[in-house]
PDB file of N, CA and C in Angstrom:
ATOM      1  N   MET A   1      -1.958  19.870 -16.530  1.00  0.00           N
ATOM      2  CA  MET A   1      -1.918  19.626 -18.153  1.00  0.00           C
ATOM      3  C   MET A   1      -2.436  20.739 -18.895  1.00  0.00           C
ATOM      4  N   VAL A   2      -1.500  21.167 -20.087  1.00  0.00           N
ATOM      5  CA  VAL A   2      -1.957  22.381 -20.585  1.00  0.00           C
ATOM      6  C   VAL A   2      -2.253  22.070 -22.092  1.00  0.00           C
ATOM      7  N   GLY A   3      -3.184  22.780 -22.383  1.00  0.00           N
ATOM      8  CA  GLY A   3      -3.731  22.305 -23.916  1.00  0.00           C
ATOM      9  C   GLY A   3      -4.267  23.692 -24.527  1.00  0.00           C
ATOM     10  N   TRP A   4      -4.445  23.453 -25.997  1.00  0.00           N
ATOM     11  CA  TRP A   4      -4.986  24.650 -26.602  1.00  0.00           C
ATOM     12  C   TRP A   4      -6.523  24.455 -26.895  1.00  0.00           C
ATOM     13  N   VAL A   5      -7.240  25.741 -26.793  1.00  0.00           N
ATOM     14  CA  VAL A   5      -8.510  25.634 -26.976  1.00  0.00           C
ATOM     15  C   VAL A   5      -8.931  26.369 -28.154  1.00  0.00           C
ATOM     16  N   GLY A   6      -9.658  26.059 -29.094  1.00  0.00           N
ATOM     17  CA  GLY A   6     -10.094  26.965 -30.278  1.00  0.00           C
ATOM     18  C   GLY A   6      -9.018  26.349 -31.437  1.00  0.00           C
ATOM     19  N   GLY A   7      -9.168  26.585 -32.481  1.00  0.00           N
ATOM     20  CA  GLY A   7      -8.282  25.932 -33.230  1.00  0.00           C
ATOM     21  C   GLY A   7      -8.438  25.991 -34.675  1.00  0.00           C
ATOM     22  N   GLY A   8      -8.833  25.228 -35.467  1.00  0.00           N
ATOM     23  CA  GLY A   8      -8.788  25.302 -36.854  1.00  0.00           C
ATOM     24  C   GLY A   8      -8.806  26.541 -37.525  1.00  0.00           C
ATOM     25  N   GLY A   9      -8.811  26.547 -38.662  1.00  0.00           N
ATOM     26  CA  GLY A   9      -8.577  27.820 -39.556  1.00  0.00           C
ATOM     27  C   GLY A   9      -8.731  29.345 -39.198  1.00  0.00           C
ATOM     28  N   GLY A  10      -7.663  29.837 -38.729  1.00  0.00           N
ATOM     29  CA  GLY A  10      -7.589  31.298 -38.613  1.00  0.00           C
ATOM     30  C   GLY A  10      -8.136  32.009 -37.197  1.00  0.00           C
ATOM     31  N   GLY A  11      -8.878  31.159 -36.403  1.00  0.00           N
ATOM     32  CA  GLY A  11      -9.479  31.615 -35.188  1.00  0.00           C
ATOM     33  C   GLY A  11      -8.376  31.685 -34.280  1.00  0.00           C
ATOM     34  N   ALA A  12      -8.683  32.515 -33.042  1.00  0.00           N
ATOM     35  CA  ALA A  12      -7.574  32.715 -32.222  1.00  0.00           C
ATOM     36  C   ALA A  12      -7.505  31.567 -31.274  1.00  0.00           C
ATOM     37  N   ARG A  13      -6.351  31.199 -30.982  1.00  0.00           N
ATOM     38  CA  ARG A  13      -6.104  30.100 -30.050  1.00  0.00           C
ATOM     39  C   ARG A  13      -5.987  30.543 -28.701  1.00  0.00           C
ATOM     40  N   VAL A  14      -6.471  29.993 -27.836  1.00  0.00           N
ATOM     41  CA  VAL A  14      -6.217  30.357 -26.560  1.00  0.00           C
ATOM     42  C   VAL A  14      -5.554  28.980 -25.499  1.00  0.00           C
ATOM     43  N   LEU A  15      -4.550  29.406 -24.999  1.00  0.00           N
ATOM     44  CA  LEU A  15      -3.690  28.478 -23.983  1.00  0.00           C
ATOM     45  C   LEU A  15      -4.817  28.521 -22.677  1.00  0.00           C
ATOM     46  N   CYS A  16      -4.971  27.319 -22.282  1.00  0.00           N
ATOM     47  CA  CYS A  16      -5.691  27.086 -20.891  1.00  0.00           C
ATOM     48  C   CYS A  16      -5.205  25.946 -20.327  1.00  0.00           C
ATOM     49  N   ALA A  17      -5.331  26.071 -18.949  1.00  0.00           N
ATOM     50  CA  ALA A  17      -4.763  25.078 -18.219  1.00  0.00           C
ATOM     51  C   ALA A  17      -5.977  24.101 -17.662  1.00  0.00           C
ATOM     52  N   TYR A  18      -5.860  22.661 -17.640  1.00  0.00           N
ATOM     53  CA  TYR A  18      -6.942  22.018 -17.084  1.00  0.00           C
ATOM     54  C   TYR A  18      -6.375  20.853 -16.338  1.00  0.00           C
ATOM     55  N   THR A  19      -7.122  20.104 -15.579  1.00  0.00           N
ATOM     56  CA  THR A  19      -6.503  19.077 -14.581  1.00  0.00           C
ATOM     57  C   THR A  19      -7.502  18.162 -14.653  1.00  0.00           C
ATOM     58  N   MET A  20      -6.971  17.037 -14.749  1.00  0.00           N
ATOM     59  CA  MET A  20      -7.917  15.679 -14.560  1.00  0.00           C
ATOM     60  C   MET A  20      -8.040  15.433 -13.161  1.00  0.00           C
ATOM     61  N   THR A  21      -9.115  15.015 -12.581  1.00  0.00           N
ATOM     62  CA  THR A  21      -9.205  14.596 -11.247  1.00  0.00           C
ATOM     63  C   THR A  21      -9.389  13.200 -10.866  1.00  0.00           C
ATOM     64  N   PHE A  22      -8.610  13.027 -10.034  1.00  0.00           N
ATOM     65  CA  PHE A  22      -8.327  11.498  -9.666  1.00  0.00           C
ATOM     66  C   PHE A  22      -8.428  11.544  -8.068  1.00  0.00           C
ATOM     67  N   LYS A  23      -9.621  10.896  -7.666  1.00  0.00           N
ATOM     68  CA  LYS A  23      -9.852  10.867  -6.347  1.00  0.00           C
ATOM     69  C   LYS A  23      -8.730   9.771  -5.690  1.00  0.00           C
ATOM     70  N   GLN A  24      -8.047  10.127  -4.939  1.00  0.00           N
ATOM     71  CA  GLN A  24      -6.838   9.067  -4.540  1.00  0.00           C
ATOM     72  C   GLN A  24      -7.659   8.090  -3.497  1.00  0.00           C
ATOM     73  N   ARG A  25      -7.301   6.921  -3.814  1.00  0.00           N
ATOM     74  CA  ARG A  25      -7.749   5.739  -2.821  1.00  0.00           C
ATOM     75  C   ARG A  25      -6.561   5.317  -1.896  1.00  0.00           C
ATOM     76  N   PRO A  26      -6.966   5.070  -0.704  1.00  0.00           N
ATOM     77  CA  PRO A  26      -5.915   4.539   0.076  1.00  0.00           C
ATOM     78  C   PRO A  26      -5.296   3.249  -0.089  1.00  0.00           C
ATOM     79  N   SER A  27      -3.990   2.880  -0.039  1.00  0.00           N
ATOM     80  CA  SER A  27      -3.539   1.792  -0.284  1.00  0.00           C
ATOM     81  C   SER A  27      -4.227   0.642   0.814  1.00  0.00           C
ATOM     82  N   THR A  28      -4.257  -0.617   0.247  1.00  0.00           N
ATOM     83  CA  THR A  28      -4.854  -1.747   0.937  1.00  0.00           C
ATOM     84  C   THR A  28      -3.717  -2.781   1.352  1.00  0.00           C
ATOM     85  N   TYR A  29      -3.942  -3.286   2.344  1.00  0.00           N
ATOM     86  CA  TYR A  29      -2.674  -4.130   2.803  1.00  0.00           C
ATOM     87  C   TYR A  29      -3.387  -5.423   3.366  1.00  0.00           C
ATOM     88  N   ARG A  30      -2.586  -6.501   3.101  1.00  0.00           N
ATOM     89  CA  ARG A  30      -3.168  -7.991   3.408  1.00  0.00           C
ATOM     90  C   ARG A  30      -1.760  -8.814   4.019  1.00  0.00           C
ATOM     91  N   ILE A  31      -2.306  -9.720   4.882  1.00  0.00           N
ATOM     92  CA  ILE A  31      -0.978 -10.498   5.379  1.00  0.00           C
ATOM     93  C   ILE A  31      -1.401 -11.748   4.394  1.00  0.00           C
ATOM     94  N   SER A  32      -0.016 -12.143   3.873  1.00  0.00           N
ATOM     95  CA  SER A  32       0.014 -13.218   2.761  1.00  0.00           C
ATOM     96  C   SER A  32       1.182 -14.084   2.977  1.00  0.00           C
ATOM     97  N   ILE A  33       1.130 -15.218   2.162  1.00  0.00           N
ATOM     98  CA  ILE A  33       2.527 -16.314   2.063  1.00  0.00           C
ATOM     99  C   ILE A  33       2.882 -15.938   0.539  1.00  0.00           C
ATOM    100  N   ALA A  34       4.331 -15.665   0.523  1.00  0.00           N
ATOM    101  CA  ALA A  34       4.774 -15.627  -0.666  1.00  0.00           C
ATOM    102  C   ALA A  34       4.693 -16.697  -1.627  1.00  0.00           C
ATOM    103  N   PRO A  35       3.948 -16.506  -2.827  1.00  0.00           N
ATOM    104  CA  PRO A  35       3.769 -17.665  -3.619  1.00  0.00           C
ATOM    105  C   PRO A  35       5.099 -18.145  -4.494  1.00  0.00           C
ATOM    106  N   SER A  36       6.094 -17.041  -4.482  1.00  0.00           N
ATOM    107  CA  SER A  36       7.307 -17.471  -5.191  1.00  0.00           C
ATOM    108  C   SER A  36       8.425 -16.557  -4.530  1.00  0.00           C
ATOM    109  N   SER A  37       9.552 -16.700  -5.024  1.00  0.00           N
ATOM    110  CA  SER A  37      10.668 -15.730  -4.437  1.00  0.00           C
ATOM    111  C   SER A  37      11.112 -14.903  -5.218  1.00  0.00           C
ATOM    112  N   ARG A  38      10.238 -14.184  -5.984  1.00  0.00           N
ATOM    113  CA  ARG A  38      10.665 -13.289  -7.252  1.00  0.00           C
ATOM    114  C   ARG A  38      10.446 -11.828  -6.308  1.00  0.00           C
ATOM    115  N   ALA A  39       9.504 -11.686  -5.299  1.00  0.00           N
ATOM    116  CA  ALA A  39       9.508 -10.388  -4.858  1.00  0.00           C
ATOM    117  C   ALA A  39      10.403  -9.789  -3.826  1.00  0.00           C
ATOM    118  N   ARG A  40      11.080  -8.525  -3.762  1.00  0.00           N
ATOM    119  CA  ARG A  40      11.686  -7.913  -2.940  1.00  0.00           C
ATOM    120  C   ARG A  40      10.812  -7.042  -1.903  1.00  0.00           C
ATOM    121  N   CYS A  41      11.360  -6.999  -0.844  1.00  0.00           N
ATOM    122  CA  CYS A  41      10.928  -6.142   0.357  1.00  0.00           C
ATOM    123  C   CYS A  41      11.081  -4.606  -0.009  1.00  0.00           C
ATOM    124  N   ARG A  42      10.249  -3.761  -0.033  1.00  0.00           N
ATOM    125  CA  ARG A  42      10.454  -2.208  -0.145  1.00  0.00           C
ATOM    126  C   ARG A  42      11.374  -1.730   0.949  1.00  0.00           C
ATOM    127  N   ALA A  43      11.525  -2.290   2.043  1.00  0.00           N
ATOM    128  CA  ALA A  43      12.360  -1.601   2.990  1.00  0.00           C
ATOM    129  C   ALA A  43      13.908  -2.048   3.011  1.00  0.00           C
ATOM    130  N   CYS A  44      14.079  -3.444   2.996  1.00  0.00           N
ATOM    131  CA  CYS A  44      15.452  -4.110   3.239  1.00  0.00           C
ATOM    132  C   CYS A  44      15.887  -4.399   2.047  1.00  0.00           C
ATOM    133  N   LYS A  45      15.102  -4.525   0.744  1.00  0.00           N
ATOM    134  CA  LYS A  45      15.394  -4.939  -0.515  1.00  0.00           C
ATOM    135  C   LYS A  45      15.876  -6.382  -0.327  1.00  0.00           C
ATOM    136  N   ARG A  46      15.755  -7.148   0.307  1.00  0.00           N
ATOM    137  CA  ARG A  46      16.169  -8.689   0.167  1.00  0.00           C
ATOM    138  C   ARG A  46      14.998  -9.422  -0.365  1.00  0.00           C
ATOM    139  N   ARG A  47      15.293 -10.477  -0.935  1.00  0.00           N
ATOM    140  CA  ARG A  47      14.147 -11.184  -1.610  1.00  0.00           C
ATOM    141  C   ARG A  47      13.278 -12.046  -0.463  1.00  0.00           C
ATOM    142  N   VAL A  48      11.733 -11.946  -0.795  1.00  0.00           N
ATOM    143  CA  VAL A  48      10.976 -12.555   0.045  1.00  0.00           C
ATOM    144  C   VAL A  48      10.990 -14.236  -0.502  1.00  0.00           C
ATOM    145  N   ASP A  49      11.344 -15.010   0.399  1.00  0.00           N
ATOM    146  CA  ASP A  49      11.475 -16.462   0.021  1.00  0.00           C
ATOM    147  C   ASP A  49      10.198 -16.943  -0.091  1.00  0.00           C
ATOM    148  N   LYS A  50       9.869 -17.965  -1.124  1.00  0.00           N
ATOM    149  CA  LYS A  50       8.647 -18.760  -1.302  1.00  0.00           C
ATOM    150  C   LYS A  50       8.085 -19.371   0.053  1.00  0.00           C
ATOM    151  N   GLY A  51       7.085 -19.064   0.439  1.00  0.00           N
ATOM    152  CA  GLY A  51       6.304 -19.632   1.598  1.00  0.00           C
ATOM    153  C   GLY A  51       6.742 -18.847   2.856  1.00  0.00           C
ATOM    154  N   GLU A  52       7.381 -17.716   2.597  1.00  0.00           N
ATOM    155  CA  GLU A  52       7.553 -16.789   3.869  1.00  0.00           C
ATOM    156  C   GLU A  52       6.385 -15.706   4.162  1.00  0.00           C
ATOM    157  N   LEU A  53       6.081 -15.470   5.224  1.00  0.00           N
ATOM    158  CA  LEU A  53       5.166 -14.486   5.677  1.00  0.00           C
ATOM    159  C   LEU A  53       5.375 -13.303   5.207  1.00  0.00           C
ATOM    160  N   ARG A  54       4.426 -12.350   4.686  1.00  0.00           N
ATOM    161  CA  ARG A  54       4.744 -11.070   4.054  1.00  0.00           C
ATOM    162  C   ARG A  54       3.511 -10.151   4.372  1.00  0.00           C
ATOM    163  N   ILE A  55       3.735  -8.955   4.027  1.00  0.00           N
ATOM    164  CA  ILE A  55       2.669  -7.810   4.057  1.00  0.00           C
ATOM    165  C   ILE A  55       2.511  -7.562   2.499  1.00  0.00           C
ATOM    166  N   ALA A  56       1.406  -7.696   1.880  1.00  0.00           N
ATOM    167  CA  ALA A  56       1.248  -7.522   0.387  1.00  0.00           C
ATOM    168  C   ALA A  56       0.477  -6.185   0.388  1.00  0.00           C
ATOM    169  N   ILE A  57       0.915  -5.117  -0.356  1.00  0.00           N
ATOM    170  CA  ILE A  57       0.413  -3.714  -0.606  1.00  0.00           C
ATOM    171  C   ILE A  57      -0.283  -3.771  -1.986  1.00  0.00           C
ATOM    172  N   THR A  58      -1.516  -3.031  -2.017  1.00  0.00           N
ATOM    173  CA  THR A  58      -2.126  -2.729  -3.282  1.00  0.00           C
ATOM    174  C   THR A  58      -1.974  -1.150  -3.272  1.00  0.00           C
ATOM    175  N   ALA A  59      -0.959  -0.622  -3.980  1.00  0.00           N
ATOM    176  CA  ALA A  59      -1.132   1.019  -4.101  1.00  0.00           C
ATOM    177  C   ALA A  59      -2.033   1.349  -5.358  1.00  0.00           C
ATOM    178  N   PHE A  60      -3.028   2.110  -5.371  1.00  0.00           N
ATOM    179  CA  PHE A  60      -3.646   2.806  -6.407  1.00  0.00           C
ATOM    180  C   PHE A  60      -3.099   3.942  -6.931  1.00  0.00           C
ATOM    181  N   VAL A  61      -2.570   3.817  -8.312  1.00  0.00           N
ATOM    182  CA  VAL A  61      -1.858   4.978  -8.677  1.00  0.00           C
ATOM    183  C   VAL A  61      -2.624   5.860  -9.881  1.00  0.00           C
ATOM    184  N   ARG A  62      -3.429   5.162 -10.464  1.00  0.00           N
ATOM    185  CA  ARG A  62      -4.102   6.017 -11.394  1.00  0.00           C
ATOM    186  C   ARG A  62      -5.548   5.421 -11.526  1.00  0.00           C
ATOM    187  N   PRO A  63      -6.576   6.102 -11.915  1.00  0.00           N
ATOM    188  CA  PRO A  63      -7.916   5.462 -12.149  1.00  0.00           C
ATOM    189  C   PRO A  63      -7.844   4.035 -12.730  1.00  0.00           C
ATOM    190  N   GLY A  64      -8.247   3.098 -12.361  1.00  0.00           N
ATOM    191  CA  GLY A  64      -8.278   1.823 -12.889  1.00  0.00           C
ATOM    192  C   GLY A  64      -6.760   0.909 -12.899  1.00  0.00           C
ATOM    193  N   ARG A  65      -5.809   1.637 -12.217  1.00  0.00           N
ATOM    194  CA  ARG A  65      -4.536   1.130 -12.182  1.00  0.00           C
ATOM    195  C   ARG A  65      -3.927   1.052 -10.943  1.00  0.00           C
ATOM    196  N   SER A  66      -3.378  -0.082 -10.629  1.00  0.00           N
ATOM    197  CA  SER A  66      -2.758  -0.277  -9.180  1.00  0.00           C
ATOM    198  C   SER A  66      -1.528  -1.054  -9.497  1.00  0.00           C
ATOM    199  N   THR A  67      -0.667  -1.090  -8.241  1.00  0.00           N
ATOM    200  CA  THR A  67       0.670  -1.941  -8.500  1.00  0.00           C
ATOM    201  C   THR A  67       0.677  -2.628  -7.129  1.00  0.00           C
ATOM    202  N   GLN A  68       1.348  -3.689  -7.128  1.00  0.00           N
ATOM    203  CA  GLN A  68       1.399  -4.649  -5.839  1.00  0.00           C
ATOM    204  C   GLN A  68       2.846  -4.387  -5.161  1.00  0.00           C
ATOM    205  N   LEU A  69       2.972  -4.181  -4.060  1.00  0.00           N
ATOM    206  CA  LEU A  69       4.422  -4.084  -3.530  1.00  0.00           C
ATOM    207  C   LEU A  69       4.353  -5.070  -2.243  1.00  0.00           C
ATOM    208  N   VAL A  70       5.472  -5.351  -1.879  1.00  0.00           N
ATOM    209  CA  VAL A  70       5.710  -6.472  -0.827  1.00  0.00           C
ATOM    210  C   VAL A  70       6.410  -5.857   0.379  1.00  0.00           C
ATOM    211  N   ARG A  71       6.406  -6.274   1.556  1.00  0.00           N
ATOM    212  CA  ARG A  71       7.034  -5.893   2.641  1.00  0.00           C
ATOM    213  C   ARG A  71       7.316  -7.353   3.657  1.00  0.00           C
ATOM    214  N   CYS A  72       8.522  -7.521   3.953  1.00  0.00           N
ATOM    215  CA  CYS A  72       8.665  -8.553   4.861  1.00  0.00           C
ATOM    216  C   CYS A  72       7.963  -8.358   6.122  1.00  0.00           C
ATOM    217  N   VAL A  73       7.618  -9.126   7.017  1.00  0.00           N
ATOM    218  CA  VAL A  73       7.027  -8.984   8.424  1.00  0.00           C
ATOM    219  C   VAL A  73       8.121  -8.278   9.345  1.00  0.00           C
ATOM    220  N   GLN A  74       9.368  -8.503   9.181  1.00  0.00           N
ATOM    221  CA  GLN A  74      10.336  -8.152   9.982  1.00  0.00           C
ATOM    222  C   GLN A  74      10.601  -6.607   9.896  1.00  0.00           C
ATOM    223  N   CYS A  75      10.181  -6.147   8.594  1.00  0.00           N
ATOM    224  CA  CYS A  75      10.333  -4.579   8.249  1.00  0.00           C
ATOM    225  C   CYS A  75       9.183  -3.783   8.619  1.00  0.00           C
ATOM    226  N   VAL A  76       8.260  -4.148   9.373  1.00  0.00           N
ATOM    227  CA  VAL A  76       7.192  -3.460   9.700  1.00  0.00           C
ATOM    228  C   VAL A  76       7.545  -2.438  10.912  1.00  0.00           C
ATOM    229  N   ASP A  77       7.389  -1.323  10.816  1.00  0.00           N
ATOM    230  CA  ASP A  77       7.798  -0.356  11.660  1.00  0.00           C
ATOM    231  C   ASP A  77       6.901   0.414  12.027  1.00  0.00           C
ATOM    232  N   ALA A  78       7.252   1.719  12.913  1.00  0.00           N
ATOM    233  CA  ALA A  78       5.971   2.431  13.464  1.00  0.00           C
ATOM    234  C   ALA A  78       5.392   3.129  12.257  1.00  0.00           C
ATOM    235  N   ARG A  79       6.098   3.752  11.393  1.00  0.00           N
ATOM    236  CA  ARG A  79       5.402   4.432  10.307  1.00  0.00           C
ATOM    237  C   ARG A  79       4.564   3.572   9.341  1.00  0.00           C
ATOM    238  N   PHE A  80       5.183   2.497   8.933  1.00  0.00           N
ATOM    239  CA  PHE A  80       4.249   1.563   8.163  1.00  0.00           C
ATOM    240  C   PHE A  80       3.042   1.031   8.885  1.00  0.00           C
ATOM    241  N   GLY A  81       3.278   0.698  10.419  1.00  0.00           N
ATOM    242  CA  GLY A  81       2.362   0.102  10.931  1.00  0.00           C
ATOM    243  C   GLY A  81       1.105   1.174  11.125  1.00  0.00           C
ATOM    244  N   ALA A  82       1.600   2.440  11.369  1.00  0.00           N
ATOM    245  CA  ALA A  82       0.512   3.546  11.323  1.00  0.00           C
ATOM    246  C   ALA A  82      -0.320   3.586  10.134  1.00  0.00           C
ATOM    247  N   ALA A  83       0.348   3.558   8.979  1.00  0.00           N
ATOM    248  CA  ALA A  83      -0.292   3.394   7.619  1.00  0.00           C
ATOM    249  C   ALA A  83      -1.348   2.314   7.640  1.00  0.00           C
ATOM    250  N   MET A  84      -1.003   1.140   7.863  1.00  0.00           N
ATOM    251  CA  MET A  84      -1.932   0.310   7.933  1.00  0.00           C
ATOM    252  C   MET A  84      -3.301   0.242   8.872  1.00  0.00           C
ATOM    253  N   LEU A  85      -2.689   0.914  10.094  1.00  0.00           N
ATOM    254  CA  LEU A  85      -3.899   1.148  10.823  1.00  0.00           C
ATOM    255  C   LEU A  85      -4.614   2.411  10.694  1.00  0.00           C
ATOM    256  N   ALA A  86      -4.153   3.252   9.670  1.00  0.00           N
ATOM    257  CA  ALA A  86      -5.283   4.529   9.523  1.00  0.00           C
ATOM    258  C   ALA A  86      -6.120   3.698   8.570  1.00  0.00           C
ATOM    259  N   VAL A  87      -5.744   2.729   7.687  1.00  0.00           N
ATOM    260  CA  VAL A  87      -6.858   2.284   6.832  1.00  0.00           C
ATOM    261  C   VAL A  87      -7.931   1.338   7.506  1.00  0.00           C
ATOM    262  N   TYR A  88      -7.342   0.401   8.250  1.00  0.00           N
ATOM    263  CA  TYR A  88      -8.214  -0.644   8.919  1.00  0.00           C
ATOM    264  C   TYR A  88      -8.652  -0.386  10.587  1.00  0.00           C
ATOM    265  N   GLY A  89      -8.001   0.660  11.046  1.00  0.00           N
ATOM    266  CA  GLY A  89      -8.363   0.932  12.370  1.00  0.00           C
ATOM    267  C   GLY A  89      -7.679   0.256  13.715  1.00  0.00           C
ATOM    268  N   THR A  90      -7.834  -1.049  13.649  1.00  0.00           N
ATOM    269  CA  THR A  90      -7.210  -1.874  14.639  1.00  0.00           C
ATOM    270  C   THR A  90      -6.499  -2.859  13.868  1.00  0.00           C
ATOM    271  N   PRO A  91      -5.616  -3.775  14.601  1.00  0.00           N
ATOM    272  CA  PRO A  91      -4.795  -4.688  13.816  1.00  0.00           C
ATOM    273  C   PRO A  91      -5.827  -6.045  13.536  1.00  0.00           C
ATOM    274  N   ALA A  92      -6.888  -6.185  14.379  1.00  0.00           N
ATOM    275  CA  ALA A  92      -7.724  -7.248  14.216  1.00  0.00           C
ATOM    276  C   ALA A  92      -8.526  -7.288  12.873  1.00  0.00           C
ATOM    277  N   ARG A  93      -8.501  -5.987  12.414  1.00  0.00           N
ATOM    278  CA  ARG A  93      -9.307  -5.946  10.895  1.00  0.00           C
ATOM    279  C   ARG A  93      -8.346  -5.893   9.852  1.00  0.00           C
ATOM    280  N   VAL A  94      -7.047  -6.141   9.982  1.00  0.00           N
ATOM    281  CA  VAL A  94      -6.148  -6.239   8.864  1.00  0.00           C
ATOM    282  C   VAL A  94      -6.621  -7.641   8.111  1.00  0.00           C
ATOM    283  N   PRO A  95      -6.682  -7.837   6.902  1.00  0.00           N
ATOM    284  CA  PRO A  95      -7.211  -8.983   6.423  1.00  0.00           C
ATOM    285  C   PRO A  95      -5.936 -10.043   6.181  1.00  0.00           C
ATOM    286  N   ALA A  96      -6.171 -11.135   6.099  1.00  0.00           N
ATOM    287  CA  ALA A  96      -5.201 -12.263   5.917  1.00  0.00           C
ATOM    288  C   ALA A  96      -5.734 -13.281   4.817  1.00  0.00           C
ATOM    289  N   GLU A  97      -4.959 -13.605   3.930  1.00  0.00           N
ATOM    290  CA  GLU A  97      -5.331 -14.473   3.173  1.00  0.00           C
ATOM    291  C   GLU A  97      -5.666 -15.951   3.481  1.00  0.00           C
ATOM    292  N   ALA A  98      -6.475 -16.760   2.740  1.00  0.00           N
ATOM    293  CA  ALA A  98      -6.980 -17.951   3.532  1.00  0.00           C
ATOM    294  C   ALA A  98      -5.765 -19.025   3.538  1.00  0.00           C
ATOM    295  N   SER A  99      -4.595 -18.657   2.823  1.00  0.00           N
ATOM    296  CA  SER A  99      -3.463 -19.694   2.951  1.00  0.00           C
ATOM    297  C   SER A  99      -2.726 -19.474   4.314  1.00  0.00           C
ATOM    298  N   VAL A 100      -2.954 -18.359   5.149  1.00  0.00           N
ATOM    299  CA  VAL A 100      -2.180 -17.997   6.019  1.00  0.00           C
ATOM    300  C   VAL A 100      -2.711 -18.814   7.347  1.00  0.00           C
ATOM    301  N   SER A 101      -1.968 -19.374   8.061  1.00  0.00           N
ATOM    302  CA  SER A 101      -2.569 -20.069   9.375  1.00  0.00           C
ATOM    303  C   SER A 101      -2.942 -18.806  10.247  1.00  0.00           C
ATOM    304  N   VAL A 102      -4.087 -19.385  11.124  1.00  0.00           N
ATOM    305  CA  VAL A 102      -4.483 -18.329  12.221  1.00  0.00           C
ATOM    306  C   VAL A 102      -3.475 -17.883  13.102  1.00  0.00           C
ATOM    307  N   ALA A 103      -2.349 -18.769  13.344  1.00  0.00           N
ATOM    308  CA  ALA A 103      -1.401 -18.579  14.395  1.00  0.00           C
ATOM    309  C   ALA A 103      -0.389 -17.575  13.801  1.00  0.00           C
ATOM    310  N   ASP A 104      -0.021 -17.860  12.366  1.00  0.00           N
ATOM    311  CA  ASP A 104       0.766 -16.641  11.675  1.00  0.00           C
ATOM    312  C   ASP A 104       0.151 -15.422  11.604  1.00  0.00           C
ATOM    313  N   ALA A 105      -1.185 -15.313  11.441  1.00  0.00           N
ATOM    314  CA  ALA A 105      -1.967 -14.120  11.392  1.00  0.00           C
ATOM    315  C   ALA A 105      -2.098 -13.354  12.644  1.00  0.00           C
ATOM    316  N   THR A 106      -2.187 -14.114  13.579  1.00  0.00           N
ATOM    317  CA  THR A 106      -2.229 -13.449  14.862  1.00  0.00           C
ATOM    318  C   THR A 106      -0.911 -12.871  15.193  1.00  0.00           C
ATOM    319  N   ALA A 107       0.206 -13.570  15.105  1.00  0.00           N
ATOM    320  CA  ALA A 107       1.579 -13.122  15.356  1.00  0.00           C
ATOM    321  C   ALA A 107       1.792 -11.809  14.668  1.00  0.00           C
ATOM    322  N   VAL A 108       1.350 -11.501  13.307  1.00  0.00           N
ATOM    323  CA  VAL A 108       1.541 -10.336  12.788  1.00  0.00           C
ATOM    324  C   VAL A 108       0.787  -9.241  13.353  1.00  0.00           C
ATOM    325  N   ARG A 109      -0.378  -9.557  13.713  1.00  0.00           N
ATOM    326  CA  ARG A 109      -1.559  -8.683  14.239  1.00  0.00           C
ATOM    327  C   ARG A 109      -0.895  -8.189  15.631  1.00  0.00           C
ATOM    328  N   THR A 110      -0.483  -9.097  16.205  1.00  0.00           N
ATOM    329  CA  THR A 110       0.079  -8.692  17.949  1.00  0.00           C
ATOM    330  C   THR A 110       1.430  -7.809  17.517  1.00  0.00           C
ATOM    331  N   ARG A 111       2.192  -8.095  16.679  1.00  0.00           N
ATOM    332  CA  ARG A 111       3.299  -7.231  16.220  1.00  0.00           C
ATOM    333  C   ARG A 111       2.817  -5.969  15.840  1.00  0.00           C
ATOM    334  N   LEU A 112       1.610  -5.648  14.953  1.00  0.00           N
ATOM    335  CA  LEU A 112       1.102  -4.582  14.723  1.00  0.00           C
ATOM    336  C   LEU A 112       0.648  -3.765  15.962  1.00  0.00           C
ATOM    337  N   GLN A 113      -0.036  -4.650  16.810  1.00  0.00           N
ATOM    338  CA  GLN A 113      -0.567  -3.815  18.079  1.00  0.00           C
ATOM    339  C   GLN A 113       0.621  -3.553  18.981  1.00  0.00           C
ATOM    340  N   HIS A 114       1.528  -4.349  18.981  1.00  0.00           N
ATOM    341  CA  HIS A 114       2.832  -3.748  19.734  1.00  0.00           C
ATOM    342  C   HIS A 114       3.473  -2.470  19.368  1.00  0.00           C
ATOM    343  N   ILE A 115       3.647  -2.481  17.915  1.00  0.00           N
ATOM    344  CA  ILE A 115       4.169  -1.177  17.299  1.00  0.00           C
ATOM    345  C   ILE A 115       3.157  -0.051  17.517  1.00  0.00           C
ATOM    346  N   ALA A 116       1.623  -0.144  17.550  1.00  0.00           N
ATOM    347  CA  ALA A 116       1.052   0.832  17.577  1.00  0.00           C
ATOM    348  C   ALA A 116       0.937   1.494  19.011  1.00  0.00           C
ATOM    349  N   GLY A 117       1.151   0.548  20.021  1.00  0.00           N
ATOM    350  CA  GLY A 117       1.364   0.856  21.406  1.00  0.00           C
ATOM    351  C   GLY A 117       2.501   1.820  21.594  1.00  0.00           C
ATOM    352  N   GLU A 118       3.746   1.505  20.935  1.00  0.00           N
ATOM    353  CA  GLU A 118       4.750   2.168  21.094  1.00  0.00           C
ATOM    354  C   GLU A 118       4.555   3.374  20.696  1.00  0.00           C
ATOM    355  N   ARG A 119       3.922   3.572  19.220  1.00  0.00           N
ATOM    356  CA  ARG A 119       3.519   4.900  18.622  1.00  0.00           C
ATOM    357  C   ARG A 119       2.801   5.824  19.723  1.00  0.00           C
ATOM    358  N   VAL A 120       1.845   5.273  20.224  1.00  0.00           N
ATOM    359  CA  VAL A 120       1.016   5.798  21.253  1.00  0.00           C
ATOM    360  C   VAL A 120       1.852   6.523  22.306  1.00  0.00           C
ATOM    361  N   GLU A 121       2.764   5.962  22.885  1.00  0.00           N
ATOM    362  CA  GLU A 121       3.509   6.288  23.946  1.00  0.00           C
ATOM    363  C   GLU A 121       4.521   7.391  23.466  1.00  0.00           C
ATOM    364  N   GLU A 122       4.936   7.291  22.317  1.00  0.00           N
ATOM    365  CA  GLU A 122       6.053   8.323  21.796  1.00  0.00           C
ATOM    366  C   GLU A 122       5.163   9.664  21.849  1.00  0.00           C
ATOM    367  N   THR A 123       3.925   9.887  21.395  1.00  0.00           N
ATOM    368  CA  THR A 123       3.197  11.070  21.044  1.00  0.00           C
ATOM    369  C   THR A 123       2.723  11.736  22.404  1.00  0.00           C
TER     370      THR A 123
END
């Protein structure tokens, strides 16, 4: 951002550059059930139907401001799985909302583990 320093009546004005610092926070992820059918998957762009299992993403965009994004479970790929595991370390630590059954949460975590295993074999 650029601004003028100095100023009022007849003094020299100096152009200076300053930046606002924002310590970027990593996005958070959680396994949830879609409460409505309004959201679209960020990967395949199809609507996530009400009651369908999904991954809810909270992306922090500015200080005090975040946005909610959604991804359907079928669109969890190696890159997205790696981003989730970079935040939580292991699939077992990825949180699930209370409305998600234990079996559904376990299925998503198993899929993440499988994807993480494939990524390790690639490198």
